[in-house]
Amino acid sequence: MATTTPRAVLFDLDGTLLDTAEDLVRACNAAVSEAGLAPQPLADLRPLISGGAEAMLAHVRSRDPRPVDGQALLARMLNLYEDNIAVHTRYFEGIEAVLDELEHRGLPWGIVTNKVTRFTHRLLQSLGVFDRPGCIISGDTLPHKKPHPAPMLEACRRLDRDASDCVYVGDARRDIQAGRNAGMHTLAALYGYLGEDDPAQDWGADGMLGRPSDLLDWLDTRSA
């Protein structure tokens, strides 16, 4: 476990840095509706977003078992999402101020996500923030993705920081596992896409963030 004062911050993307839920759920429900399946409420699909499109579609099909071509359904959802990737997506409230403060303090920040490059880059470009992070590691940047430590360590390399100098913020168990596997500080984003069946208190994170600004308080405590 990391013991030094953090000198860089890494974020998960969906559910931590950006609130992508509405655009993802709209794409999912549009695809399943076209296939003749019943769409599902945002509240039911939101906790599944960290598991990717496959997890969202698996939930839909568990509620409506009519036979469909699963691969075609997945491809249709992803195409719909790509075409409407930043209609409703925004930073979580308070995140932009946190990023401004990190930059003011001279702390580089980056993104490590399991979202594949095809969507990560298009999303960040659509929001006009592609050039802001110090690094962007997507789910297909390396042969491994979270919870494997390789993406985390590659982010450290690109930021020119040791893993023990970094803190990783995420809203899923695999995020905390990835950070811990890499030897980083880890913080659970309680404002993200958490499910009731996997409480963040069980993940072994170094701290909990009820809101984005709590990150700054945590950093202040570490540096005091």
C-alpha atoms as a PDB file:
ATOM      1  CA  MET A   1       0.000   0.000   0.000  1.00  0.00           C
ATOM      2  CA  ALA A   2       1.232   3.503  -0.826  1.00  0.00           C
ATOM      3  CA  THR A   3       2.440   5.581   2.110  1.00  0.00           C
ATOM      4  CA  THR A   4       3.821   8.742   0.508  1.00  0.00           C
ATOM      5  CA  THR A   5       1.964  12.003  -0.052  1.00  0.00           C
ATOM      6  CA  PRO A   6       0.303  11.815  -3.492  1.00  0.00           C
ATOM      7  CA  ARG A   7       1.959  13.796  -6.284  1.00  0.00           C
ATOM      8  CA  ALA A   8      -0.535  12.857  -9.022  1.00  0.00           C
ATOM      9  CA  VAL A   9      -4.211  11.892  -9.278  1.00  0.00           C
ATOM     10  CA  LEU A  10      -5.718   9.291 -11.596  1.00  0.00           C
ATOM     11  CA  PHE A  11      -9.444   8.979 -12.237  1.00  0.00           C
ATOM     12  CA  ASP A  12     -11.768   6.355 -13.603  1.00  0.00           C
ATOM     13  CA  LEU A  13     -13.968   7.887 -16.314  1.00  0.00           C
ATOM     14  CA  ASP A  14     -17.609   6.724 -16.242  1.00  0.00           C
ATOM     15  CA  GLY A  15     -19.130   7.228 -12.809  1.00  0.00           C
ATOM     16  CA  THR A  16     -16.125   9.068 -11.393  1.00  0.00           C
ATOM     17  CA  LEU A  17     -15.054  11.900 -13.674  1.00  0.00           C
ATOM     18  CA  LEU A  18     -18.025  12.025 -16.047  1.00  0.00           C
ATOM     19  CA  ASP A  19     -21.717  11.279 -15.540  1.00  0.00           C
ATOM     20  CA  THR A  20     -22.322   9.248 -18.704  1.00  0.00           C
ATOM     21  CA  ALA A  21     -25.331   7.303 -17.421  1.00  0.00           C
ATOM     22  CA  GLU A  22     -28.127   8.920 -19.407  1.00  0.00           C
ATOM     23  CA  ASP A  23     -26.403   8.610 -22.781  1.00  0.00           C
ATOM     24  CA  LEU A  24     -25.457   4.975 -22.109  1.00  0.00           C
ATOM     25  CA  VAL A  25     -28.915   4.014 -20.887  1.00  0.00           C
ATOM     26  CA  ARG A  26     -30.594   5.763 -23.822  1.00  0.00           C
ATOM     27  CA  ALA A  27     -28.388   3.809 -26.256  1.00  0.00           C
ATOM     28  CA  CYS A  28     -29.100   0.563 -24.435  1.00  0.00           C
ATOM     29  CA  ASN A  29     -32.848   1.067 -24.368  1.00  0.00           C
ATOM     30  CA  ALA A  30     -32.984   2.198 -27.989  1.00  0.00           C
ATOM     31  CA  ALA A  31     -31.145  -0.943 -29.073  1.00  0.00           C
ATOM     32  CA  VAL A  32     -33.261  -3.333 -27.026  1.00  0.00           C
ATOM     33  CA  SER A  33     -36.475  -1.618 -28.145  1.00  0.00           C
ATOM     34  CA  GLU A  34     -35.467  -2.105 -31.780  1.00  0.00           C
ATOM     35  CA  ALA A  35     -34.880  -5.789 -30.976  1.00  0.00           C
ATOM     36  CA  GLY A  36     -38.337  -6.124 -29.453  1.00  0.00           C
ATOM     37  CA  LEU A  37     -37.197  -6.289 -25.822  1.00  0.00           C
ATOM     38  CA  ALA A  38     -38.492  -4.197 -22.956  1.00  0.00           C
ATOM     39  CA  PRO A  39     -36.388  -1.143 -22.039  1.00  0.00           C
ATOM     40  CA  GLN A  40     -35.323  -0.790 -18.411  1.00  0.00           C
ATOM     41  CA  PRO A  41     -35.367   2.230 -16.056  1.00  0.00           C
ATOM     42  CA  LEU A  42     -32.301   4.414 -15.625  1.00  0.00           C
ATOM     43  CA  ALA A  43     -32.221   3.609 -11.915  1.00  0.00           C
ATOM     44  CA  ASP A  44     -31.914  -0.133 -12.667  1.00  0.00           C
ATOM     45  CA  LEU A  45     -29.210   0.193 -15.319  1.00  0.00           C
ATOM     46  CA  ARG A  46     -27.113   2.935 -13.709  1.00  0.00           C
ATOM     47  CA  PRO A  47     -25.374   0.662 -11.143  1.00  0.00           C
ATOM     48  CA  LEU A  48     -24.364  -1.706 -13.977  1.00  0.00           C
ATOM     49  CA  ILE A  49     -22.505   0.856 -16.081  1.00  0.00           C
ATOM     50  CA  SER A  50     -19.134   0.085 -14.509  1.00  0.00           C
ATOM     51  CA  GLY A  51     -19.528  -3.434 -15.897  1.00  0.00           C
ATOM     52  CA  GLY A  52     -19.875  -2.127 -19.435  1.00  0.00           C
ATOM     53  CA  ALA A  53     -22.490  -2.523 -22.159  1.00  0.00           C
ATOM     54  CA  GLU A  54     -22.461  -6.304 -21.770  1.00  0.00           C
ATOM     55  CA  ALA A  55     -23.573  -6.037 -18.139  1.00  0.00           C
ATOM     56  CA  MET A  56     -26.346  -3.609 -19.026  1.00  0.00           C
ATOM     57  CA  LEU A  57     -27.652  -5.825 -21.820  1.00  0.00           C
ATOM     58  CA  ALA A  58     -27.402  -8.937 -19.653  1.00  0.00           C
ATOM     59  CA  HIS A  59     -29.677  -7.249 -17.128  1.00  0.00           C
ATOM     60  CA  VAL A  60     -32.211  -6.364 -19.841  1.00  0.00           C
ATOM     61  CA  ARG A  61     -32.204  -9.925 -21.166  1.00  0.00           C
ATOM     62  CA  SER A  62     -32.629 -11.332 -17.662  1.00  0.00           C
ATOM     63  CA  ARG A  63     -35.834  -9.309 -17.394  1.00  0.00           C
ATOM     64  CA  ASP A  64     -37.034 -10.165 -20.915  1.00  0.00           C
ATOM     65  CA  PRO A  65     -35.812 -13.613 -22.011  1.00  0.00           C
ATOM     66  CA  ARG A  66     -37.165 -13.478 -25.564  1.00  0.00           C
ATOM     67  CA  PRO A  67     -34.473 -14.792 -27.951  1.00  0.00           C
ATOM     68  CA  VAL A  68     -32.294 -12.202 -29.705  1.00  0.00           C
ATOM     69  CA  ASP A  69     -28.873 -12.138 -31.374  1.00  0.00           C
ATOM     70  CA  GLY A  70     -26.715 -11.008 -28.471  1.00  0.00           C
ATOM     71  CA  GLN A  71     -23.748  -9.914 -30.564  1.00  0.00           C
ATOM     72  CA  ALA A  72     -25.920  -7.929 -32.950  1.00  0.00           C
ATOM     73  CA  LEU A  73     -27.680  -6.311 -30.007  1.00  0.00           C
ATOM     74  CA  LEU A  74     -24.349  -5.308 -28.448  1.00  0.00           C
ATOM     75  CA  ALA A  75     -23.053  -3.914 -31.734  1.00  0.00           C
ATOM     76  CA  ARG A  76     -26.237  -1.891 -32.233  1.00  0.00           C
ATOM     77  CA  MET A  77     -26.069  -0.424 -28.730  1.00  0.00           C
ATOM     78  CA  LEU A  78     -22.436   0.587 -29.182  1.00  0.00           C
ATOM     79  CA  ASN A  79     -23.120   2.198 -32.550  1.00  0.00           C
ATOM     80  CA  LEU A  80     -26.033   4.145 -31.108  1.00  0.00           C
ATOM     81  CA  TYR A  81     -23.882   5.221 -28.185  1.00  0.00           C
ATOM     82  CA  GLU A  82     -21.046   6.351 -30.435  1.00  0.00           C
ATOM     83  CA  ASP A  83     -23.450   8.448 -32.505  1.00  0.00           C
ATOM     84  CA  ASN A  84     -24.894  10.121 -29.376  1.00  0.00           C
ATOM     85  CA  ILE A  85     -21.957   9.949 -27.009  1.00  0.00           C
ATOM     86  CA  ALA A  86     -22.079  13.378 -25.383  1.00  0.00           C
ATOM     87  CA  VAL A  87     -25.691  14.538 -25.622  1.00  0.00           C
ATOM     88  CA  HIS A  88     -26.355  14.454 -21.874  1.00  0.00           C
ATOM     89  CA  THR A  89     -22.907  13.557 -20.491  1.00  0.00           C
ATOM     90  CA  ARG A  90     -21.348  16.099 -18.156  1.00  0.00           C
ATOM     91  CA  TYR A  91     -18.716  16.305 -15.438  1.00  0.00           C
ATOM     92  CA  PHE A  92     -20.105  15.354 -12.059  1.00  0.00           C
ATOM     93  CA  GLU A  93     -20.931  18.483 -10.109  1.00  0.00           C
ATOM     94  CA  GLY A  94     -17.789  19.854  -8.523  1.00  0.00           C
ATOM     95  CA  ILE A  95     -15.299  17.872 -10.614  1.00  0.00           C
ATOM     96  CA  GLU A  96     -14.240  20.792 -12.812  1.00  0.00           C
ATOM     97  CA  ALA A  97     -13.380  22.869  -9.735  1.00  0.00           C
ATOM     98  CA  VAL A  98     -11.363  19.936  -8.383  1.00  0.00           C
ATOM     99  CA  LEU A  99      -9.415  19.625 -11.636  1.00  0.00           C
ATOM    100  CA  ASP A 100      -8.758  23.366 -11.659  1.00  0.00           C
ATOM    101  CA  GLU A 101      -7.394  23.141  -8.113  1.00  0.00           C
ATOM    102  CA  LEU A 102      -5.209  20.133  -8.900  1.00  0.00           C
ATOM    103  CA  GLU A 103      -3.672  22.036 -11.783  1.00  0.00           C
ATOM    104  CA  HIS A 104      -3.253  25.112  -9.584  1.00  0.00           C
ATOM    105  CA  ARG A 105      -1.354  22.952  -7.078  1.00  0.00           C
ATOM    106  CA  GLY A 106       0.852  21.567  -9.827  1.00  0.00           C
ATOM    107  CA  LEU A 107      -0.527  18.034  -9.440  1.00  0.00           C
ATOM    108  CA  PRO A 108      -0.846  16.240 -12.792  1.00  0.00           C
ATOM    109  CA  TRP A 109      -3.946  14.141 -13.341  1.00  0.00           C
ATOM    110  CA  GLY A 110      -4.931  11.460 -15.791  1.00  0.00           C
ATOM    111  CA  ILE A 111      -7.607   8.956 -16.754  1.00  0.00           C
ATOM    112  CA  VAL A 112      -7.507   5.155 -16.532  1.00  0.00           C
ATOM    113  CA  THR A 113     -10.691   3.546 -17.820  1.00  0.00           C
ATOM    114  CA  ASN A 114     -11.858   0.195 -19.154  1.00  0.00           C
ATOM    115  CA  LYS A 115     -13.800   2.070 -21.837  1.00  0.00           C
ATOM    116  CA  VAL A 116     -12.134   1.312 -25.168  1.00  0.00           C
ATOM    117  CA  THR A 117     -10.237   3.993 -27.078  1.00  0.00           C
ATOM    118  CA  ARG A 118     -12.943   4.253 -29.743  1.00  0.00           C
ATOM    119  CA  PHE A 119     -15.317   5.728 -27.175  1.00  0.00           C
ATOM    120  CA  THR A 120     -12.907   7.317 -24.695  1.00  0.00           C
ATOM    121  CA  HIS A 121     -11.288   9.595 -27.250  1.00  0.00           C
ATOM    122  CA  ARG A 122     -14.526  10.460 -29.036  1.00  0.00           C
ATOM    123  CA  LEU A 123     -16.202  11.345 -25.742  1.00  0.00           C
ATOM    124  CA  LEU A 124     -13.390  13.555 -24.488  1.00  0.00           C
ATOM    125  CA  GLN A 125     -13.051  15.229 -27.881  1.00  0.00           C
ATOM    126  CA  SER A 126     -16.804  15.878 -27.985  1.00  0.00           C
ATOM    127  CA  LEU A 127     -16.595  17.584 -24.607  1.00  0.00           C
ATOM    128  CA  GLY A 128     -13.554  19.603 -25.667  1.00  0.00           C
ATOM    129  CA  VAL A 129     -11.301  18.219 -22.935  1.00  0.00           C
ATOM    130  CA  PHE A 130      -9.193  15.654 -24.797  1.00  0.00           C
ATOM    131  CA  ASP A 131      -5.968  17.618 -24.325  1.00  0.00           C
ATOM    132  CA  ARG A 132      -6.469  18.347 -20.630  1.00  0.00           C
ATOM    133  CA  PRO A 133      -5.477  15.071 -18.888  1.00  0.00           C
ATOM    134  CA  GLY A 134      -1.791  14.301 -18.538  1.00  0.00           C
ATOM    135  CA  CYS A 135      -2.502  10.776 -19.779  1.00  0.00           C
ATOM    136  CA  ILE A 136      -5.431   8.731 -21.075  1.00  0.00           C
ATOM    137  CA  ILE A 137      -5.295   4.949 -20.684  1.00  0.00           C
ATOM    138  CA  SER A 138      -8.246   3.090 -22.204  1.00  0.00           C
ATOM    139  CA  GLY A 139      -9.356  -0.498 -21.839  1.00  0.00           C
ATOM    140  CA  ASP A 140      -7.575  -1.533 -25.033  1.00  0.00           C
ATOM    141  CA  THR A 141      -4.431   0.588 -24.661  1.00  0.00           C
ATOM    142  CA  LEU A 142      -2.607  -2.459 -23.244  1.00  0.00           C
ATOM    143  CA  PRO A 143      -3.220  -6.216 -23.380  1.00  0.00           C
ATOM    144  CA  HIS A 144      -4.618  -6.004 -19.829  1.00  0.00           C
ATOM    145  CA  LYS A 145      -7.292  -3.810 -18.266  1.00  0.00           C
ATOM    146  CA  LYS A 146      -8.416  -3.156 -14.700  1.00  0.00           C
ATOM    147  CA  PRO A 147      -8.194  -4.792 -12.181  1.00  0.00           C
ATOM    148  CA  HIS A 148      -4.794  -5.712 -13.643  1.00  0.00           C
ATOM    149  CA  PRO A 149      -2.174  -3.182 -12.497  1.00  0.00           C
ATOM    150  CA  ALA A 150      -0.641  -2.710 -15.966  1.00  0.00           C
ATOM    151  CA  PRO A 151      -2.881   0.214 -17.040  1.00  0.00           C
ATOM    152  CA  MET A 152      -2.232   1.960 -13.739  1.00  0.00           C
ATOM    153  CA  LEU A 153       1.525   1.547 -14.033  1.00  0.00           C
ATOM    154  CA  GLU A 154       1.474   2.801 -17.623  1.00  0.00           C
ATOM    155  CA  ALA A 155      -0.364   5.919 -16.462  1.00  0.00           C
ATOM    156  CA  CYS A 156       2.335   6.465 -13.841  1.00  0.00           C
ATOM    157  CA  ARG A 157       5.020   6.093 -16.481  1.00  0.00           C
ATOM    158  CA  ARG A 158       3.366   8.691 -18.701  1.00  0.00           C
ATOM    159  CA  LEU A 159       3.005  11.107 -15.791  1.00  0.00           C
ATOM    160  CA  ASP A 160       6.593  10.428 -14.682  1.00  0.00           C
ATOM    161  CA  ARG A 161       5.480   9.369 -11.216  1.00  0.00           C
ATOM    162  CA  ASP A 162       6.041   6.287  -9.081  1.00  0.00           C
ATOM    163  CA  ALA A 163       2.893   4.330  -8.265  1.00  0.00           C
ATOM    164  CA  SER A 164       3.339   5.138  -4.583  1.00  0.00           C
ATOM    165  CA  ASP A 165       3.127   8.835  -5.517  1.00  0.00           C
ATOM    166  CA  CYS A 166      -0.336   8.432  -7.076  1.00  0.00           C
ATOM    167  CA  VAL A 167      -3.907   8.169  -5.863  1.00  0.00           C
ATOM    168  CA  TYR A 168      -6.582   6.484  -7.952  1.00  0.00           C
ATOM    169  CA  VAL A 169     -10.249   7.465  -7.673  1.00  0.00           C
ATOM    170  CA  GLY A 170     -12.917   5.050  -8.889  1.00  0.00           C
ATOM    171  CA  ASP A 171     -16.487   3.932  -8.329  1.00  0.00           C
ATOM    172  CA  ALA A 172     -16.126   0.154  -8.707  1.00  0.00           C
ATOM    173  CA  ARG A 173     -14.411  -2.646  -6.801  1.00  0.00           C
ATOM    174  CA  ARG A 174     -12.118  -3.341  -9.777  1.00  0.00           C
ATOM    175  CA  ASP A 175     -10.891   0.266  -9.600  1.00  0.00           C
ATOM    176  CA  ILE A 176      -9.765  -0.136  -6.013  1.00  0.00           C
ATOM    177  CA  GLN A 177      -8.281  -3.542  -6.770  1.00  0.00           C
ATOM    178  CA  ALA A 178      -6.328  -2.105  -9.708  1.00  0.00           C
ATOM    179  CA  GLY A 179      -4.960   0.755  -7.653  1.00  0.00           C
ATOM    180  CA  ARG A 180      -3.994  -1.498  -4.772  1.00  0.00           C
ATOM    181  CA  ASN A 181      -2.423  -4.041  -7.151  1.00  0.00           C
ATOM    182  CA  ALA A 182      -0.261  -1.231  -8.525  1.00  0.00           C
ATOM    183  CA  GLY A 183       0.730   0.034  -5.060  1.00  0.00           C
ATOM    184  CA  MET A 184      -1.253   3.280  -5.168  1.00  0.00           C
ATOM    185  CA  HIS A 185      -3.444   5.127  -2.735  1.00  0.00           C
ATOM    186  CA  THR A 186      -7.104   4.416  -3.567  1.00  0.00           C
ATOM    187  CA  LEU A 187     -10.327   6.350  -3.007  1.00  0.00           C
ATOM    188  CA  ALA A 188     -13.878   5.133  -3.623  1.00  0.00           C
ATOM    189  CA  ALA A 189     -16.207   7.619  -5.344  1.00  0.00           C
ATOM    190  CA  LEU A 190     -19.474   7.073  -3.494  1.00  0.00           C
ATOM    191  CA  TYR A 191     -21.278   9.494  -5.818  1.00  0.00           C
ATOM    192  CA  GLY A 192     -20.704   7.147  -8.781  1.00  0.00           C
ATOM    193  CA  TYR A 193     -22.459   4.084 -10.164  1.00  0.00           C
ATOM    194  CA  LEU A 194     -22.429   1.866  -7.096  1.00  0.00           C
ATOM    195  CA  GLY A 195     -24.736  -1.090  -6.609  1.00  0.00           C
ATOM    196  CA  GLU A 196     -26.325  -2.036  -3.300  1.00  0.00           C
ATOM    197  CA  ASP A 197     -25.018  -5.602  -3.566  1.00  0.00           C
ATOM    198  CA  ASP A 198     -21.340  -4.557  -3.450  1.00  0.00           C
ATOM    199  CA  PRO A 199     -20.838  -1.863  -0.783  1.00  0.00           C
ATOM    200  CA  ALA A 200     -17.755   0.310  -1.216  1.00  0.00           C
ATOM    201  CA  GLN A 201     -16.881  -0.150   2.450  1.00  0.00           C
ATOM    202  CA  ASP A 202     -15.845  -3.716   1.562  1.00  0.00           C
ATOM    203  CA  TRP A 203     -13.389  -2.754  -1.193  1.00  0.00           C
ATOM    204  CA  GLY A 204     -10.409  -1.897   0.982  1.00  0.00           C
ATOM    205  CA  ALA A 205      -9.987   1.674  -0.272  1.00  0.00           C
ATOM    206  CA  ASP A 206      -7.904   4.194   1.661  1.00  0.00           C
ATOM    207  CA  GLY A 207     -10.825   6.602   1.812  1.00  0.00           C
ATOM    208  CA  MET A 208     -14.352   7.427   0.651  1.00  0.00           C
ATOM    209  CA  LEU A 209     -15.460  10.450  -1.346  1.00  0.00           C
ATOM    210  CA  GLY A 210     -19.061  11.450  -0.817  1.00  0.00           C
ATOM    211  CA  ARG A 211     -18.591  14.247  -3.345  1.00  0.00           C
ATOM    212  CA  PRO A 212     -15.740  15.224  -5.689  1.00  0.00           C
ATOM    213  CA  SER A 213     -14.504  18.076  -3.487  1.00  0.00           C
ATOM    214  CA  ASP A 214     -13.750  15.556  -0.720  1.00  0.00           C
ATOM    215  CA  LEU A 215     -10.679  14.615  -2.765  1.00  0.00           C
ATOM    216  CA  LEU A 216      -9.095  17.976  -2.006  1.00  0.00           C
ATOM    217  CA  ASP A 217      -9.810  17.552   1.701  1.00  0.00           C
ATOM    218  CA  TRP A 218      -8.219  14.096   1.608  1.00  0.00           C
ATOM    219  CA  LEU A 219      -5.131  15.466  -0.146  1.00  0.00           C
ATOM    220  CA  ASP A 220      -4.878  18.255   2.426  1.00  0.00           C
ATOM    221  CA  THR A 221      -5.000  15.699   5.221  1.00  0.00           C
ATOM    222  CA  ARG A 222      -2.249  13.639   3.592  1.00  0.00           C
ATOM    223  CA  SER A 223       0.032  16.633   3.180  1.00  0.00           C
ATOM    224  CA  ALA A 224      -0.567  18.097   6.648  1.00  0.00           C
END
